[in-house]
């Protein structure tokens, strides 16, 4: 077992509801590759102080989860094009006190759209309007999808996101069904008041061919469980978590693990 020591490099994650997904994924690969690194998840009580700590303590990397993906923009020094393009951050890299923000959520969603051979001619309903929703909407837009509706009760955020990518907006998710439904809200996330809530209705699930939930904890969210029971094609938040965490690992360490190492880390992550 790796013992803590003064030369160890620290990476962290910041989330309102931390999980062990990133912790297990990154620490497994550190051990596998013989790196003197460690990764720890945090739930910050003050985001500004947390980011100041990243800078002041020399923390190498910081993953950013809901609901902080947009709030951290004002706290970093540089924005990589991956984050600038969608005004959303999920990764911060610290180079000698200079904090650069990236977004690896976009690439993860794009890879899953391609991997699952999703048809760009079909309709899509995205529920959510936060930073992760921006990455998801951009990935669908760039994959050629045009029949996309953003469902969000907040008109300013929902309509703004829809207009940004040339999509439709609705305040009432129940008013629209689609071939692909995607939950990009905390509904169904473990540890919250809505952890048992299915983010889409039975009618939505029945009408869809693909059920996609970006929530990674638990891997079997209420929506994924309902989609599985209905025999739908499933894309899980755990898959998103693996792909985006891999790109974070590369940004932090400069090392790209082999596919076999990534598969082993993913298996270890899911075994918790």
Protein backbone atom coordinates (compact mmCIF):
# COMPACT_ATOMS: atom_id res chain seq x y z
CA UNK A 1 0.00 0.00 0.00
CA UNK A 2 1.26 3.47 -0.89
CA UNK A 3 2.11 5.48 2.24
CA UNK A 4 1.61 9.24 2.47
CA UNK A 5 4.84 11.19 2.21
CA UNK A 6 5.98 14.78 1.78
CA UNK A 7 6.81 14.36 -1.92
CA UNK A 8 3.41 12.99 -2.88
CA UNK A 9 1.45 14.86 -5.57
CA UNK A 10 -2.17 15.59 -4.67
CA UNK A 11 -5.18 15.81 -7.00
CA UNK A 12 -8.71 16.48 -5.76
CA UNK A 13 -12.32 16.77 -6.85
CA UNK A 14 -14.93 19.32 -5.80
CA UNK A 15 -18.61 18.38 -5.77
CA UNK A 16 -21.72 19.12 -3.77
CA UNK A 17 -22.22 15.35 -3.50
CA UNK A 18 -18.82 13.66 -3.76
CA UNK A 19 -18.55 10.05 -4.89
CA UNK A 20 -15.68 7.58 -4.83
CA UNK A 21 -15.71 7.14 -8.62
CA UNK A 22 -12.82 9.48 -9.39
CA UNK A 23 -11.00 8.56 -6.19
CA UNK A 24 -10.95 4.86 -7.05
CA UNK A 25 -10.25 5.39 -10.77
CA UNK A 26 -7.30 7.75 -10.34
CA UNK A 27 -5.76 6.06 -7.29
CA UNK A 28 -5.92 2.67 -9.01
CA UNK A 29 -3.96 4.04 -11.96
CA UNK A 30 -1.46 5.82 -9.72
CA UNK A 31 -0.76 2.49 -8.04
CA UNK A 32 -0.72 0.59 -11.34
CA UNK A 33 1.77 3.01 -12.88
CA UNK A 34 3.94 3.41 -9.80
CA UNK A 35 3.19 7.12 -9.38
CA UNK A 36 3.74 8.85 -6.04
CA UNK A 37 0.34 10.56 -6.32
CA UNK A 38 -2.94 10.50 -4.39
CA UNK A 39 -6.48 11.66 -5.18
CA UNK A 40 -9.15 12.83 -2.70
CA UNK A 41 -12.76 13.99 -3.11
CA UNK A 42 -14.10 17.05 -1.26
CA UNK A 43 -17.43 18.83 -0.74
CA UNK A 44 -16.36 22.47 -0.39
CA UNK A 45 -18.14 24.81 1.98
CA UNK A 46 -16.59 27.81 0.19
CA UNK A 47 -15.68 27.39 -3.48
CA UNK A 48 -13.42 30.44 -3.62
CA UNK A 49 -11.39 29.28 -0.66
CA UNK A 50 -11.18 25.77 -2.12
CA UNK A 51 -9.73 27.05 -5.40
CA UNK A 52 -7.36 29.33 -3.49
CA UNK A 53 -6.23 26.19 -1.69
CA UNK A 54 -5.56 24.46 -5.00
CA UNK A 55 -3.29 27.34 -5.98
CA UNK A 56 -1.66 27.97 -2.61
CA UNK A 57 -1.02 24.33 -1.67
CA UNK A 58 0.30 23.30 -5.06
CA UNK A 59 -2.49 20.79 -5.69
CA UNK A 60 -1.77 19.54 -9.21
CA UNK A 61 -5.27 18.86 -10.49
CA UNK A 62 -8.86 19.54 -9.51
CA UNK A 63 -11.95 17.92 -10.97
CA UNK A 64 -15.09 20.06 -10.82
CA UNK A 65 -18.59 18.58 -10.63
CA UNK A 66 -22.14 19.88 -10.24
CA UNK A 67 -22.97 22.58 -9.32
CA UNK A 68 -19.61 24.36 -9.68
CA UNK A 69 -18.80 23.94 -13.38
CA UNK A 70 -19.66 27.56 -14.24
CA UNK A 71 -18.88 29.24 -10.91
CA UNK A 72 -15.16 28.33 -11.09
CA UNK A 73 -14.66 30.25 -14.34
CA UNK A 74 -14.08 33.50 -12.45
CA UNK A 75 -11.54 31.80 -10.17
CA UNK A 76 -9.04 30.45 -12.73
CA UNK A 77 -6.28 32.17 -14.71
CA UNK A 78 -6.67 30.61 -18.14
CA UNK A 79 -9.42 28.90 -20.10
CA UNK A 80 -8.51 26.14 -22.53
CA UNK A 81 -10.59 26.22 -25.75
CA UNK A 82 -12.39 23.06 -24.56
CA UNK A 83 -13.83 25.08 -21.66
CA UNK A 84 -14.16 28.44 -23.43
CA UNK A 85 -16.28 26.93 -26.21
CA UNK A 86 -19.03 25.96 -23.79
CA UNK A 87 -18.36 28.25 -20.78
CA UNK A 88 -18.14 25.25 -18.50
CA UNK A 89 -15.26 23.73 -16.53
CA UNK A 90 -14.79 20.23 -15.15
CA UNK A 91 -10.99 20.15 -14.83
CA UNK A 92 -8.38 22.54 -13.46
CA UNK A 93 -4.64 21.98 -13.90
CA UNK A 94 -2.19 23.84 -11.66
CA UNK A 95 1.16 24.71 -13.25
CA UNK A 96 3.25 26.46 -10.57
CA UNK A 97 0.30 28.47 -9.32
CA UNK A 98 -1.25 29.18 -12.73
CA UNK A 99 -4.69 27.54 -12.96
CA UNK A 100 -5.88 26.45 -16.41
CA UNK A 101 -9.46 25.24 -16.89
CA UNK A 102 -10.50 22.47 -19.28
CA UNK A 103 -13.64 20.51 -20.06
CA UNK A 104 -13.39 16.76 -20.64
CA UNK A 105 -17.15 16.19 -20.28
CA UNK A 106 -17.65 17.24 -23.91
CA UNK A 107 -15.22 14.66 -25.28
CA UNK A 108 -16.75 11.93 -23.12
CA UNK A 109 -20.28 12.63 -24.39
CA UNK A 110 -19.03 12.88 -27.98
CA UNK A 111 -17.28 9.51 -27.69
CA UNK A 112 -20.42 7.86 -26.30
CA UNK A 113 -22.59 9.28 -29.09
CA UNK A 114 -20.16 7.83 -31.62
CA UNK A 115 -19.63 4.54 -29.79
CA UNK A 116 -23.36 3.86 -29.55
CA UNK A 117 -23.96 4.81 -33.20
CA UNK A 118 -26.68 7.27 -32.28
CA UNK A 119 -28.61 8.44 -35.34
CA UNK A 120 -28.42 12.24 -35.77
CA UNK A 121 -31.74 12.29 -37.62
CA UNK A 122 -33.77 11.30 -34.54
CA UNK A 123 -35.24 13.56 -31.84
CA UNK A 124 -33.49 14.23 -28.53
CA UNK A 125 -34.79 15.57 -25.22
CA UNK A 126 -32.15 16.97 -22.84
CA UNK A 127 -33.36 17.68 -19.32
CA UNK A 128 -31.15 20.24 -17.56
CA UNK A 129 -29.48 23.60 -18.20
CA UNK A 130 -26.29 23.72 -16.11
CA UNK A 131 -22.65 23.33 -17.04
CA UNK A 132 -22.93 19.63 -17.84
CA UNK A 133 -25.95 20.41 -20.02
CA UNK A 134 -23.80 22.80 -22.05
CA UNK A 135 -21.22 20.09 -22.70
CA UNK A 136 -23.93 17.59 -23.62
CA UNK A 137 -25.81 19.95 -25.91
CA UNK A 138 -22.59 20.94 -27.68
CA UNK A 139 -21.64 17.30 -28.23
CA UNK A 140 -25.02 16.47 -29.74
CA UNK A 141 -24.92 19.60 -31.92
CA UNK A 142 -21.44 18.77 -33.18
CA UNK A 143 -22.50 15.19 -33.91
CA UNK A 144 -25.10 16.53 -36.34
CA UNK A 145 -28.25 16.42 -34.19
CA UNK A 146 -30.72 19.21 -34.92
CA UNK A 147 -34.04 17.93 -33.53
CA UNK A 148 -33.11 18.64 -29.92
CA UNK A 149 -35.28 20.10 -27.15
CA UNK A 150 -33.89 21.50 -23.90
CA UNK A 151 -36.28 20.94 -20.99
CA UNK A 152 -35.62 23.36 -18.13
CA UNK A 153 -37.97 25.14 -15.76
CA UNK A 154 -35.70 28.19 -15.59
CA UNK A 155 -36.62 30.00 -18.80
CA UNK A 156 -33.58 32.27 -18.89
CA UNK A 157 -31.11 29.39 -18.59
CA UNK A 158 -33.11 26.91 -20.63
CA UNK A 159 -33.93 29.23 -23.50
CA UNK A 160 -30.41 30.65 -23.44
CA UNK A 161 -28.89 27.19 -23.80
CA UNK A 162 -31.33 26.24 -26.55
CA UNK A 163 -30.68 29.43 -28.49
CA UNK A 164 -26.92 28.96 -28.14
CA UNK A 165 -27.06 25.71 -30.10
CA UNK A 166 -30.10 26.33 -32.28
CA UNK A 167 -32.36 23.96 -30.34
CA UNK A 168 -35.90 24.23 -28.97
CA UNK A 169 -36.78 24.91 -25.35
CA UNK A 170 -39.67 23.86 -23.13
CA UNK A 171 -40.41 24.53 -19.49
CA UNK A 172 -42.53 21.38 -19.31
CA UNK A 173 -40.55 18.19 -19.89
CA UNK A 174 -43.78 16.19 -19.92
CA UNK A 175 -44.95 18.07 -23.01
CA UNK A 176 -42.30 16.49 -25.26
CA UNK A 177 -41.21 12.92 -25.99
CA UNK A 178 -38.16 11.91 -28.01
CA UNK A 179 -36.19 8.99 -29.41
CA UNK A 180 -33.24 9.78 -27.13
CA UNK A 181 -33.81 11.08 -23.60
CA UNK A 182 -30.91 12.45 -21.55
CA UNK A 183 -30.99 13.41 -17.88
CA UNK A 184 -28.49 16.15 -17.02
CA UNK A 185 -29.96 17.09 -13.63
CA UNK A 186 -29.15 15.80 -10.12
CA UNK A 187 -32.40 13.81 -10.12
CA UNK A 188 -31.57 10.25 -9.10
CA UNK A 189 -28.16 11.14 -7.66
CA UNK A 190 -27.26 9.27 -4.49
CA UNK A 191 -27.27 11.28 -1.28
CA UNK A 192 -29.80 13.89 -2.31
CA UNK A 193 -33.47 14.45 -1.59
CA UNK A 194 -34.29 13.25 -5.11
CA UNK A 195 -32.13 10.10 -5.14
CA UNK A 196 -35.15 7.84 -5.72
CA UNK A 197 -36.71 10.06 -8.38
CA UNK A 198 -36.92 8.82 -11.97
CA UNK A 199 -35.97 11.87 -14.00
CA UNK A 200 -38.29 11.05 -16.92
CA UNK A 201 -41.85 9.76 -16.94
CA UNK A 202 -42.99 6.29 -17.99
CA UNK A 203 -44.33 7.88 -21.18
CA UNK A 204 -40.91 9.34 -21.97
CA UNK A 205 -39.18 6.00 -21.42
CA UNK A 206 -41.79 4.09 -23.44
CA UNK A 207 -41.38 6.47 -26.41
CA UNK A 208 -37.58 6.46 -26.34
CA UNK A 209 -35.19 4.02 -27.92
CA UNK A 210 -32.17 5.29 -25.96
CA UNK A 211 -32.09 6.22 -22.26
CA UNK A 212 -29.03 8.24 -21.20
CA UNK A 213 -28.30 9.43 -17.66
CA UNK A 214 -25.16 11.48 -16.94
CA UNK A 215 -25.52 10.90 -13.18
CA UNK A 216 -22.64 8.60 -12.21
CA UNK A 217 -23.60 7.73 -8.63
CA UNK A 218 -25.17 5.31 -8.41
CA UNK A 219 -24.27 3.63 -11.70
CA UNK A 220 -27.78 2.15 -11.74
CA UNK A 221 -29.81 5.32 -11.29
CA UNK A 222 -33.61 5.11 -11.08
CA UNK A 223 -33.76 6.22 -14.72
CA UNK A 224 -31.26 3.60 -15.87
CA UNK A 225 -33.10 0.92 -13.90
CA UNK A 226 -36.40 1.96 -15.50
CA UNK A 227 -34.82 2.01 -18.95
CA UNK A 228 -33.31 -1.43 -18.41
CA UNK A 229 -36.68 -2.83 -17.32
CA UNK A 230 -38.23 -1.38 -20.50
CA UNK A 231 -35.55 -2.97 -22.71
CA UNK A 232 -34.05 0.30 -23.94
CA UNK A 233 -30.49 0.98 -25.11
CA UNK A 234 -28.70 2.45 -22.10
CA UNK A 235 -25.85 4.95 -21.71
CA UNK A 236 -24.82 5.48 -18.10
CA UNK A 237 -23.16 8.19 -16.10
CA UNK A 238 -20.53 5.65 -15.08
CA UNK A 239 -19.45 5.48 -18.72
CA UNK A 240 -19.24 9.27 -18.86
CA UNK A 241 -17.26 9.29 -15.61
CA UNK A 242 -14.68 6.83 -16.95
CA UNK A 243 -14.07 8.65 -20.22
CA UNK A 244 -13.84 12.13 -18.74
CA UNK A 245 -11.68 10.89 -15.83
CA UNK A 246 -9.24 9.29 -18.27
CA UNK A 247 -8.69 12.60 -20.04
CA UNK A 248 -8.26 14.32 -16.69
CA UNK A 249 -5.65 11.73 -15.71
CA UNK A 250 -3.72 12.49 -18.90
CA UNK A 251 -3.91 16.25 -18.28
CA UNK A 252 -2.64 15.86 -14.71
CA UNK A 253 0.13 13.30 -15.28
CA UNK A 254 1.06 13.55 -18.96
CA UNK A 255 0.67 9.76 -19.15
CA UNK A 256 -1.97 7.91 -21.17
CA UNK A 257 -2.68 4.48 -19.67
CA UNK A 258 -3.17 1.47 -21.91
CA UNK A 259 -6.73 0.35 -22.75
CA UNK A 260 -6.16 -2.66 -20.49
CA UNK A 261 -5.16 -0.43 -17.58
CA UNK A 262 -8.19 1.81 -18.13
CA UNK A 263 -10.50 -1.22 -18.23
CA UNK A 264 -9.02 -2.50 -14.96
CA UNK A 265 -9.43 0.94 -13.34
CA UNK A 266 -13.03 1.12 -14.53
CA UNK A 267 -13.76 -2.33 -13.11
CA UNK A 268 -12.18 -1.31 -9.80
CA UNK A 269 -14.22 1.92 -9.78
CA UNK A 270 -17.50 0.09 -10.34
CA UNK A 271 -16.76 -2.57 -7.71
CA UNK A 272 -17.22 -0.11 -4.82
